[in-house]
PDB file of N, CA and C in Angstrom:
ATOM      1  N   MET A   1     -18.888  -7.431 -18.635  1.00  0.00           N
ATOM      2  CA  MET A   1     -17.941  -8.573 -17.463  1.00  0.00           C
ATOM      3  C   MET A   1     -17.143  -9.342 -18.342  1.00  0.00           C
ATOM      4  N   ILE A   2     -17.517  -9.360 -19.847  1.00  0.00           N
ATOM      5  CA  ILE A   2     -16.732 -10.921 -20.430  1.00  0.00           C
ATOM      6  C   ILE A   2     -14.949 -10.158 -20.697  1.00  0.00           C
ATOM      7  N   LEU A   3     -15.174  -8.912 -21.273  1.00  0.00           N
ATOM      8  CA  LEU A   3     -14.040  -7.654 -21.764  1.00  0.00           C
ATOM      9  C   LEU A   3     -13.124  -7.667 -20.442  1.00  0.00           C
ATOM     10  N   SER A   4     -13.986  -7.831 -19.312  1.00  0.00           N
ATOM     11  CA  SER A   4     -13.056  -7.323 -18.112  1.00  0.00           C
ATOM     12  C   SER A   4     -12.276  -8.957 -17.465  1.00  0.00           C
ATOM     13  N   TYR A   5     -12.830  -9.590 -17.901  1.00  0.00           N
ATOM     14  CA  TYR A   5     -12.132 -11.082 -17.535  1.00  0.00           C
ATOM     15  C   TYR A   5     -10.766 -11.090 -18.194  1.00  0.00           C
ATOM     16  N   ILE A   6     -11.172 -10.778 -19.524  1.00  0.00           N
ATOM     17  CA  ILE A   6     -10.202 -10.994 -20.105  1.00  0.00           C
ATOM     18  C   ILE A   6      -8.763  -9.983 -20.317  1.00  0.00           C
ATOM     19  N   GLN A   7      -9.375  -8.936 -19.916  1.00  0.00           N
ATOM     20  CA  GLN A   7      -8.208  -7.762 -19.238  1.00  0.00           C
ATOM     21  C   GLN A   7      -7.553  -8.238 -18.051  1.00  0.00           C
ATOM     22  N   GLY A   8      -8.410  -9.220 -17.250  1.00  0.00           N
ATOM     23  CA  GLY A   8      -7.695  -9.336 -15.709  1.00  0.00           C
ATOM     24  C   GLY A   8      -6.400 -10.731 -15.989  1.00  0.00           C
ATOM     25  N   LEU A   9      -7.152 -11.228 -17.157  1.00  0.00           N
ATOM     26  CA  LEU A   9      -5.981 -12.525 -17.204  1.00  0.00           C
ATOM     27  C   LEU A   9      -4.935 -12.043 -17.953  1.00  0.00           C
ATOM     28  N   HIS A  10      -4.992 -11.091 -18.792  1.00  0.00           N
ATOM     29  CA  HIS A  10      -4.162 -10.073 -19.235  1.00  0.00           C
ATOM     30  C   HIS A  10      -3.287  -9.559 -18.467  1.00  0.00           C
ATOM     31  N   LEU A  11      -3.927  -8.642 -17.703  1.00  0.00           N
ATOM     32  CA  LEU A  11      -2.245  -8.641 -16.355  1.00  0.00           C
ATOM     33  C   LEU A  11      -2.267  -9.497 -15.759  1.00  0.00           C
ATOM     34  N   LEU A  12      -2.503 -10.480 -15.081  1.00  0.00           N
ATOM     35  CA  LEU A  12      -1.881 -11.469 -14.598  1.00  0.00           C
ATOM     36  C   LEU A  12      -1.202 -12.353 -15.350  1.00  0.00           C
ATOM     37  N   ARG A  13      -1.563 -12.513 -16.689  1.00  0.00           N
ATOM     38  CA  ARG A  13      -0.560 -12.900 -17.908  1.00  0.00           C
ATOM     39  C   ARG A  13       0.983 -12.389 -17.466  1.00  0.00           C
ATOM     40  N   LYS A  14       0.947 -10.420 -17.388  1.00  0.00           N
ATOM     41  CA  LYS A  14       1.810  -9.859 -17.319  1.00  0.00           C
ATOM     42  C   LYS A  14       2.363  -9.801 -16.359  1.00  0.00           C
ATOM     43  N   ALA A  15       1.885 -10.056 -14.936  1.00  0.00           N
ATOM     44  CA  ALA A  15       2.310 -10.061 -13.573  1.00  0.00           C
ATOM     45  C   ALA A  15       3.291 -10.955 -13.763  1.00  0.00           C
ATOM     46  N   SER A  16       2.872 -12.015 -13.856  1.00  0.00           N
ATOM     47  CA  SER A  16       3.678 -13.606 -14.103  1.00  0.00           C
ATOM     48  C   SER A  16       4.695 -13.293 -14.677  1.00  0.00           C
ATOM     49  N   GLU A  17       5.199 -12.541 -15.678  1.00  0.00           N
ATOM     50  CA  GLU A  17       6.236 -12.929 -16.458  1.00  0.00           C
ATOM     51  C   GLU A  17       6.995 -11.724 -16.206  1.00  0.00           C
ATOM     52  N   GLU A  18       6.414 -10.723 -15.383  1.00  0.00           N
ATOM     53  CA  GLU A  18       7.655  -9.696 -14.462  1.00  0.00           C
ATOM     54  C   GLU A  18       8.140 -10.507 -13.520  1.00  0.00           C
ATOM     55  N   PHE A  19       7.007 -11.623 -12.901  1.00  0.00           N
ATOM     56  CA  PHE A  19       7.689 -12.009 -11.703  1.00  0.00           C
ATOM     57  C   PHE A  19       8.690 -13.246 -12.101  1.00  0.00           C
ATOM     58  N   SER A  20       8.614 -13.815 -12.836  1.00  0.00           N
ATOM     59  CA  SER A  20       9.519 -14.797 -13.339  1.00  0.00           C
ATOM     60  C   SER A  20      10.488 -14.195 -13.781  1.00  0.00           C
ATOM     61  N   TYR A  21      10.659 -12.902 -14.698  1.00  0.00           N
ATOM     62  CA  TYR A  21      11.911 -12.419 -15.255  1.00  0.00           C
ATOM     63  C   TYR A  21      12.994 -11.845 -13.946  1.00  0.00           C
ATOM     64  N   SER A  22      12.027 -11.524 -12.664  1.00  0.00           N
ATOM     65  CA  SER A  22      12.535 -11.128 -11.389  1.00  0.00           C
ATOM     66  C   SER A  22      13.254 -11.960 -10.297  1.00  0.00           C
ATOM     67  N   ILE A  23      12.692 -13.348 -10.829  1.00  0.00           N
ATOM     68  CA  ILE A  23      13.201 -14.464  -9.966  1.00  0.00           C
ATOM     69  C   ILE A  23      14.806 -14.589 -10.879  1.00  0.00           C
ATOM     70  N   ASP A  24      14.562 -14.820 -12.717  1.00  0.00           N
ATOM     71  CA  ASP A  24      15.780 -15.238 -12.915  1.00  0.00           C
ATOM     72  C   ASP A  24      16.438 -13.460 -12.768  1.00  0.00           C
ATOM     73  N   ILE A  25      16.562 -12.421 -12.386  1.00  0.00           N
ATOM     74  CA  ILE A  25      17.594 -11.294 -12.093  1.00  0.00           C
ATOM     75  C   ILE A  25      18.019 -12.354 -10.910  1.00  0.00           C
ATOM     76  N   MET A  26      17.557 -12.422 -10.034  1.00  0.00           N
ATOM     77  CA  MET A  26      17.577 -13.155  -8.694  1.00  0.00           C
ATOM     78  C   MET A  26      18.821 -14.435  -8.554  1.00  0.00           C
ATOM     79  N   LYS A  27      18.442 -14.315  -9.495  1.00  0.00           N
ATOM     80  CA  LYS A  27      19.333 -15.643 -10.015  1.00  0.00           C
ATOM     81  C   LYS A  27      20.894 -15.610 -10.238  1.00  0.00           C
ATOM     82  N   LEU A  28      20.685 -14.760 -11.464  1.00  0.00           N
ATOM     83  CA  LEU A  28      22.160 -14.232 -11.484  1.00  0.00           C
ATOM     84  C   LEU A  28      22.452 -13.136 -10.625  1.00  0.00           C
ATOM     85  N   MET A  29      21.579 -12.661  -9.687  1.00  0.00           N
ATOM     86  CA  MET A  29      22.846 -11.622  -8.904  1.00  0.00           C
ATOM     87  C   MET A  29      23.590 -13.048  -7.993  1.00  0.00           C
ATOM     88  N   LYS A  30      22.837 -14.399  -7.799  1.00  0.00           N
ATOM     89  CA  LYS A  30      23.396 -15.019  -6.392  1.00  0.00           C
ATOM     90  C   LYS A  30      24.594 -15.458  -7.364  1.00  0.00           C
ATOM     91  N   ILE A  31      24.871 -15.803  -8.171  1.00  0.00           N
ATOM     92  CA  ILE A  31      25.880 -16.300  -8.750  1.00  0.00           C
ATOM     93  C   ILE A  31      27.294 -15.769  -9.270  1.00  0.00           C
TER      94      ILE A  31
END
């Protein structure tokens, strides 16, 4: 159960990184 919790945090962190990355791309496209 603890292992799945750690995996969930890892996936969440990876998703947030990709989300912020896509936001940076959108900002670049606007300029």
